[in-house]
Protein backbone atom coordinates (compact mmCIF):
# COMPACT_ATOMS: atom_id res chain seq x y z
CA MET A 1 0.00 0.00 0.00
CA SER A 2 1.41 3.37 -1.07
CA LYS A 3 1.67 6.11 1.56
CA VAL A 4 0.93 9.69 0.58
CA LEU A 5 1.24 12.83 2.72
CA VAL A 6 -0.70 15.96 1.82
CA VAL A 7 0.47 19.21 3.44
CA TYR A 8 -1.61 22.34 2.83
CA TYR A 9 -2.73 25.69 4.19
CA SER A 10 -6.01 27.25 3.10
CA GLN A 11 -7.60 30.43 4.44
CA SER A 12 -10.73 30.75 2.31
CA GLY A 13 -11.30 27.01 1.87
CA GLN A 14 -10.66 27.04 -1.89
CA LEU A 15 -7.33 25.22 -1.70
CA ARG A 16 -8.82 22.72 0.74
CA ARG A 17 -11.47 21.89 -1.87
CA VAL A 18 -8.80 21.51 -4.54
CA THR A 19 -6.82 19.23 -2.25
CA GLU A 20 -9.87 17.08 -1.50
CA SER A 21 -10.68 16.75 -5.20
CA LEU A 22 -7.12 15.89 -6.14
CA ILE A 23 -6.62 13.19 -3.51
CA GLU A 24 -9.98 11.50 -4.03
CA PRO A 25 -8.63 9.15 -6.75
CA LEU A 26 -5.59 8.36 -4.59
CA GLN A 27 -7.84 7.34 -1.72
CA ALA A 28 -10.05 5.32 -4.07
CA SER A 29 -6.99 3.48 -5.37
CA GLY A 30 -6.29 2.09 -1.90
CA ALA A 31 -3.37 4.37 -1.06
CA ARG A 32 -3.04 5.55 2.52
CA VAL A 33 -3.41 9.34 2.39
CA ASP A 34 -2.47 11.37 5.47
CA VAL A 35 -3.60 15.00 5.40
CA ALA A 36 -1.88 17.72 7.43
CA ALA A 37 -3.58 21.14 7.50
CA LEU A 38 -0.96 23.62 8.69
CA GLU A 39 -2.05 25.88 11.57
CA PRO A 40 -0.24 29.08 12.57
CA GLN A 41 0.18 29.49 16.32
CA GLN A 42 -1.37 32.94 15.84
CA PRO A 43 -4.06 32.49 13.15
CA TYR A 44 -4.36 34.85 10.21
CA PRO A 45 -7.84 36.39 9.90
CA PHE A 46 -10.25 35.80 7.04
CA PRO A 47 -11.80 37.98 5.80
CA TRP A 48 -8.87 40.32 6.34
CA PRO A 49 -9.03 43.68 8.14
CA PHE A 50 -7.39 46.08 5.70
CA TRP A 51 -4.40 47.19 7.79
CA GLN A 52 -3.67 43.69 9.09
CA PHE A 53 -3.51 42.48 5.50
CA LEU A 54 -0.99 45.15 4.54
CA ASP A 55 1.02 44.59 7.70
CA ALA A 56 1.48 40.91 6.78
CA PHE A 57 3.20 41.52 3.46
CA PRO A 58 6.81 42.38 4.50
CA GLU A 59 7.36 39.17 6.48
CA CYS A 60 5.60 37.16 3.78
CA VAL A 61 7.86 38.46 1.02
CA TYR A 62 10.99 38.06 3.16
CA LEU A 63 10.02 34.46 4.06
CA ASP A 64 9.90 35.30 7.77
CA PRO A 65 6.68 33.56 8.86
CA ARG A 66 4.85 33.17 12.14
CA PRO A 67 5.49 29.80 13.83
CA ILE A 68 3.09 26.96 13.08
CA LYS A 69 1.69 24.40 15.50
CA ALA A 70 3.70 21.21 15.80
CA TRP A 71 2.28 18.03 14.28
CA GLN A 72 3.40 14.45 13.78
CA ALA A 73 3.67 12.58 10.49
CA ALA A 74 4.01 8.81 10.16
CA GLY A 75 6.69 8.79 7.47
CA PRO A 76 8.43 7.76 5.38
CA TYR A 77 6.10 8.42 2.44
CA ASP A 78 6.09 7.37 -1.21
CA LEU A 79 4.77 10.78 -2.27
CA ILE A 80 4.22 14.19 -0.68
CA LEU A 81 1.80 16.77 -2.05
CA LEU A 82 2.68 20.30 -0.97
CA CYS A 83 -0.31 22.58 -1.59
CA TYR A 84 -0.02 26.33 -1.10
CA THR A 85 -1.64 29.64 -1.92
CA VAL A 86 0.14 32.78 -3.13
CA TRP A 87 0.36 35.88 -0.94
CA PHE A 88 2.09 38.97 -2.32
CA LEU A 89 3.73 36.85 -5.09
CA SER A 90 5.19 34.62 -2.33
CA PRO A 91 4.14 31.35 -0.68
CA ALA A 92 1.61 31.64 2.14
CA PRO A 93 3.65 31.98 5.38
CA PRO A 94 2.50 28.73 7.05
CA VAL A 95 3.90 26.76 4.09
CA THR A 96 7.14 28.73 4.30
CA ALA A 97 7.31 27.91 8.03
CA PHE A 98 6.83 24.21 7.29
CA LEU A 99 9.59 24.19 4.67
CA GLN A 100 11.96 25.97 7.05
CA SER A 101 11.37 23.43 9.84
CA ALA A 102 13.63 20.55 10.77
CA ALA A 103 10.64 18.19 10.45
CA SER A 104 10.23 19.06 6.79
CA ARG A 105 13.84 18.16 6.00
CA GLU A 106 13.34 14.70 7.47
CA LEU A 107 10.02 14.15 5.71
CA LEU A 108 10.97 15.54 2.31
CA HIS A 109 14.47 14.16 1.98
CA ASP A 110 14.79 11.83 -1.01
CA THR A 111 10.99 11.78 -1.42
CA PRO A 112 9.00 12.60 -4.60
CA VAL A 113 7.21 15.92 -4.11
CA VAL A 114 4.41 17.42 -6.17
CA THR A 115 3.64 21.10 -5.57
CA VAL A 116 0.12 22.44 -6.09
CA THR A 117 -1.00 26.06 -6.04
CA ALA A 118 -4.38 27.75 -6.45
CA CYS A 119 -4.17 31.50 -6.93
CA ARG A 120 -5.33 34.60 -8.78
CA ASN A 121 -3.11 34.43 -11.87
CA MET A 122 0.52 35.07 -10.87
CA TRP A 123 2.45 32.18 -9.33
CA ILE A 124 5.92 32.20 -10.95
CA GLN A 125 7.77 34.09 -8.20
CA ALA A 126 6.08 32.12 -5.40
CA GLN A 127 7.02 28.86 -7.08
CA GLU A 128 10.62 30.03 -7.43
CA ASP A 129 10.60 30.62 -3.65
CA ILE A 130 9.15 27.14 -3.09
CA LYS A 131 11.85 25.55 -5.24
CA ALA A 132 14.55 27.42 -3.33
CA LEU A 133 13.05 26.25 -0.01
CA LEU A 134 12.77 22.65 -1.25
CA ALA A 135 16.38 22.48 -2.48
CA PRO A 136 18.08 22.15 0.97
CA THR A 137 15.67 19.38 1.98
CA GLY A 138 16.87 17.01 -0.73
CA ALA A 139 13.31 16.51 -1.99
CA ARG A 140 12.75 15.09 -5.49
CA HIS A 141 10.49 17.78 -6.92
CA CYS A 142 8.92 16.05 -9.91
CA ASP A 143 5.69 17.93 -10.77
CA HIS A 144 3.91 21.24 -10.33
CA VAL A 145 0.20 22.03 -10.69
CA ALA A 146 -0.99 25.64 -10.95
CA LEU A 147 -4.73 26.34 -10.92
CA VAL A 148 -5.59 29.98 -11.56
CA ASP A 149 -8.63 32.23 -11.48
CA PRO A 150 -10.01 32.19 -15.06
CA GLY A 151 -11.31 35.76 -14.83
CA PRO A 152 -9.76 38.60 -16.87
CA ALA A 153 -6.57 39.90 -15.25
CA LEU A 154 -7.87 43.44 -14.75
CA ALA A 155 -11.18 42.21 -13.29
CA THR A 156 -9.36 40.08 -10.70
CA PHE A 157 -7.68 43.22 -9.36
CA ILE A 158 -11.17 44.03 -8.03
CA THR A 159 -12.80 40.65 -7.41
CA THR A 160 -9.91 39.12 -5.46
CA PRO A 161 -9.46 42.02 -2.94
CA ARG A 162 -13.24 42.08 -2.47
CA TRP A 163 -13.12 38.39 -1.55
CA MET A 164 -10.19 38.90 0.83
CA PHE A 165 -11.70 41.91 2.65
CA THR A 166 -15.39 40.90 2.73
CA GLY A 167 -15.44 37.12 2.25
CA ARG A 168 -17.75 37.58 -0.75
CA ARG A 169 -16.72 36.00 -4.04
CA ASP A 170 -19.98 36.13 -6.03
CA ALA A 171 -20.24 37.82 -9.43
CA PHE A 172 -21.20 41.51 -9.33
CA TRP A 173 -21.34 44.55 -11.63
CA GLY A 174 -20.77 42.35 -14.66
CA MET A 175 -17.56 40.91 -13.24
CA PRO A 176 -17.12 37.16 -12.72
CA ALA A 177 -17.03 35.40 -9.37
CA ALA A 178 -13.60 35.42 -7.73
CA GLY A 179 -11.50 32.28 -7.59
CA LEU A 180 -11.69 28.93 -9.32
CA ARG A 181 -14.90 27.64 -10.84
CA ASP A 182 -16.46 24.48 -9.43
CA GLN A 183 -15.69 22.65 -12.66
CA ASP A 184 -12.02 23.63 -12.42
CA ILE A 185 -11.82 22.19 -8.92
CA ALA A 186 -13.59 18.99 -9.98
CA ALA A 187 -11.30 18.66 -13.00
CA SER A 188 -8.25 18.57 -10.71
CA ARG A 189 -9.14 14.91 -10.09
CA ARG A 190 -7.23 14.12 -13.27
CA PHE A 191 -3.99 14.81 -11.43
CA GLY A 192 -4.96 12.42 -8.65
CA ARG A 193 -5.81 9.73 -11.22
CA ALA A 194 -2.44 10.17 -12.92
CA LEU A 195 -0.58 10.06 -9.61
CA ALA A 196 -2.47 6.93 -8.51
CA THR A 197 -1.67 5.22 -11.82
CA ALA A 198 2.02 6.13 -11.57
CA LEU A 199 2.23 4.93 -7.96
CA ALA A 200 0.59 1.61 -8.83
CA ALA A 201 2.99 1.12 -11.74
CA GLY A 202 6.04 2.02 -9.66
CA ARG A 203 6.83 4.97 -11.94
CA LEU A 204 6.57 7.73 -9.35
CA ASP A 205 10.16 7.86 -8.13
CA GLY A 206 10.71 11.60 -8.45
CA SER A 207 13.11 11.33 -11.36
CA ARG A 208 10.65 12.55 -14.01
CA PRO A 209 7.24 14.24 -14.19
CA VAL A 210 4.11 12.10 -14.27
CA LEU A 211 1.64 14.96 -14.83
CA ALA A 212 3.01 16.08 -18.21
CA GLY A 213 0.31 16.40 -20.87
CA LEU A 214 -2.42 17.25 -18.33
CA ALA A 215 -2.37 21.06 -18.61
CA ALA A 216 -0.79 21.20 -15.18
CA ALA A 217 0.96 24.58 -15.30
CA ARG A 218 0.22 27.28 -17.83
CA ILE A 219 1.72 30.78 -17.73
CA ASP A 220 0.35 33.89 -19.40
CA PRO A 221 3.51 35.42 -20.94
CA ALA A 222 1.84 38.84 -20.77
CA LEU A 223 2.08 38.75 -16.98
CA MET A 224 5.69 37.61 -16.57
CA LEU A 225 7.22 41.09 -16.64
CA SER A 226 4.51 42.54 -14.38
CA GLU A 227 5.13 39.78 -11.86
CA ARG A 228 8.88 40.35 -11.87
CA ILE A 229 8.39 44.10 -11.34
CA GLY A 230 5.81 43.45 -8.62
CA LYS A 231 8.07 41.11 -6.66
CA ARG A 232 10.94 43.60 -6.79
CA SER A 233 8.61 46.35 -5.57
CA PHE A 234 7.37 44.18 -2.69
CA ARG A 235 10.92 43.52 -1.56
CA ILE A 236 11.89 47.20 -1.66
CA TRP A 237 8.80 48.34 0.24
CA GLY A 238 8.95 45.34 2.54
CA ARG A 239 12.45 46.35 3.63
CA LEU A 240 11.21 49.90 4.36
CA VAL A 241 8.23 48.68 6.39
CA ARG A 242 10.37 46.23 8.39
CA ALA A 243 12.81 49.05 9.16
CA ALA A 244 9.92 51.03 10.68
CA GLY A 245 9.17 48.41 13.33
CA ARG A 246 7.99 44.90 14.11
CA PRO A 247 4.66 43.51 12.85
CA GLY A 248 1.77 45.47 14.33
CA ALA A 249 3.89 48.49 15.26
CA ALA A 250 2.14 51.85 14.83
CA ALA A 251 5.23 53.25 13.11
CA ARG A 252 4.56 50.95 10.19
CA ARG A 253 1.19 52.55 9.36
CA PRO A 254 2.49 55.67 7.49
CA VAL A 255 4.89 53.57 5.40
CA LEU A 256 2.13 51.08 4.61
CA ALA A 257 -0.19 53.94 3.59
CA LEU A 258 2.46 55.25 1.21
CA TYR A 259 3.04 51.73 -0.09
CA ILE A 260 -0.63 51.04 -0.88
CA THR A 261 -0.89 54.37 -2.68
CA THR A 262 2.13 53.48 -4.79
CA LEU A 263 0.79 49.97 -5.40
CA ILE A 264 -2.55 51.27 -6.68
CA LEU A 265 -0.73 53.66 -8.99
CA MET A 266 1.38 50.76 -10.29
CA ILE A 267 -1.71 48.66 -10.94
CA VAL A 268 -3.47 51.38 -12.95
CA THR A 269 -0.37 52.54 -14.84
CA ILE A 270 2.60 50.16 -14.96
CA VAL A 271 0.64 46.92 -15.30
CA PRO A 272 -1.41 48.07 -18.33
CA LEU A 273 1.69 49.68 -19.85
CA THR A 274 3.75 46.50 -19.55
CA MET A 275 0.91 44.50 -21.09
CA LEU A 276 0.66 46.96 -23.98
CA LEU A 277 4.43 46.94 -24.40
CA ARG A 278 4.48 43.17 -24.45
CA ALA A 279 1.72 43.12 -27.09
CA ALA A 280 3.59 45.64 -29.25
CA LEU A 281 6.87 43.72 -29.02
CA TRP A 282 5.32 40.25 -29.19
CA PRO A 283 6.41 39.55 -32.80
CA VAL A 284 10.03 40.27 -31.80
CA LEU A 285 10.01 38.73 -28.32
CA LYS A 286 7.63 35.80 -28.92
CA LYS A 287 10.26 33.08 -29.23
CA ARG A 288 12.22 34.28 -26.20
CA MET A 289 9.15 34.77 -23.99
CA LEU A 290 7.66 31.38 -24.84
CA ALA A 291 11.00 29.74 -24.06
CA GLN A 292 11.11 31.55 -20.71
CA ALA A 293 7.51 30.53 -19.97
CA ALA A 294 8.34 26.89 -20.71
CA ILE A 295 11.16 27.01 -18.15
CA TYR A 296 8.80 28.35 -15.46
CA GLU A 297 6.09 25.82 -16.41
CA ALA A 298 8.47 22.91 -15.91
CA PRO A 299 8.56 20.17 -14.83
CA SER A 300 4.95 19.32 -15.69
CA GLY A 301 4.33 21.89 -18.42
CA CYS A 302 1.17 23.07 -20.12
CA GLY A 303 0.75 20.30 -22.71
CA THR A 304 -2.66 18.67 -23.13
CA ASP A 305 -1.87 15.50 -25.06
CA ARG A 306 -2.83 13.13 -22.18
CA MET A 307 -6.03 14.87 -21.10
CA GLY A 308 -8.25 12.15 -22.57
CA GLU A 309 -6.37 9.45 -20.66
CA PHE A 310 -7.35 10.81 -17.23
CA ALA A 311 -10.56 12.76 -17.98
């Protein structure tokens, strides 16, 4: 009997639903699936109060998370699924805390690991952080799944904050509902089916992807530059906010106010400009940008040639 560990952190419940859908075929196959929901010692609120949300970003970007509650895992495992959400173009802090722990090094060492994210539409920089955190553990990172909000990029700048600050994700004013659609979550079962098949056949050893051809990770090249600029901005402002005081300090408030003003200006000016610039230069940059996207989409990639096999 194969042993699978699923580690995840979900605030809104969306990633929990994705996780449940994905592991259903593994459980049906007879594999033992242990699920560990990470819990911060000091919980993060949801919906978020506005200033608490802003105050969380510097430590998130600098991978300096709050401690999580201790838990026990009955390893070793044949496969570990690491499921995370994206905060400020970085992994959610509880997942960062797990990957920085001594327990994670023991669990992940020499073990096949599949990473799974569910987010708005930008996950490249967070996944680069995850890969950097996985490297010292000796994990065999073999696949990555990225499920993104299908709404238009500009609309999600409104629908996602509304969800975070009010808890409401329904469609309004002609804009789509925030987050993944029910059919997208249900369709994630294909990854569980492929993993169960690979485990049963003894092919899931971490040396090669088993989710290739299942549209596991697709990047919008138009957003790559915006994401790179955004992450750099977060790090610059994060350093300034951290210099003003510890989390929750009143001295942070003026810097955070200046930051959010700058961020809004970036969203309404730099983001559209970079998208227009990318569109204008696409004929010249197409080959280079698609090659860069393929690197970020690895190891599983965005191919669809095996979709019928695990539908």
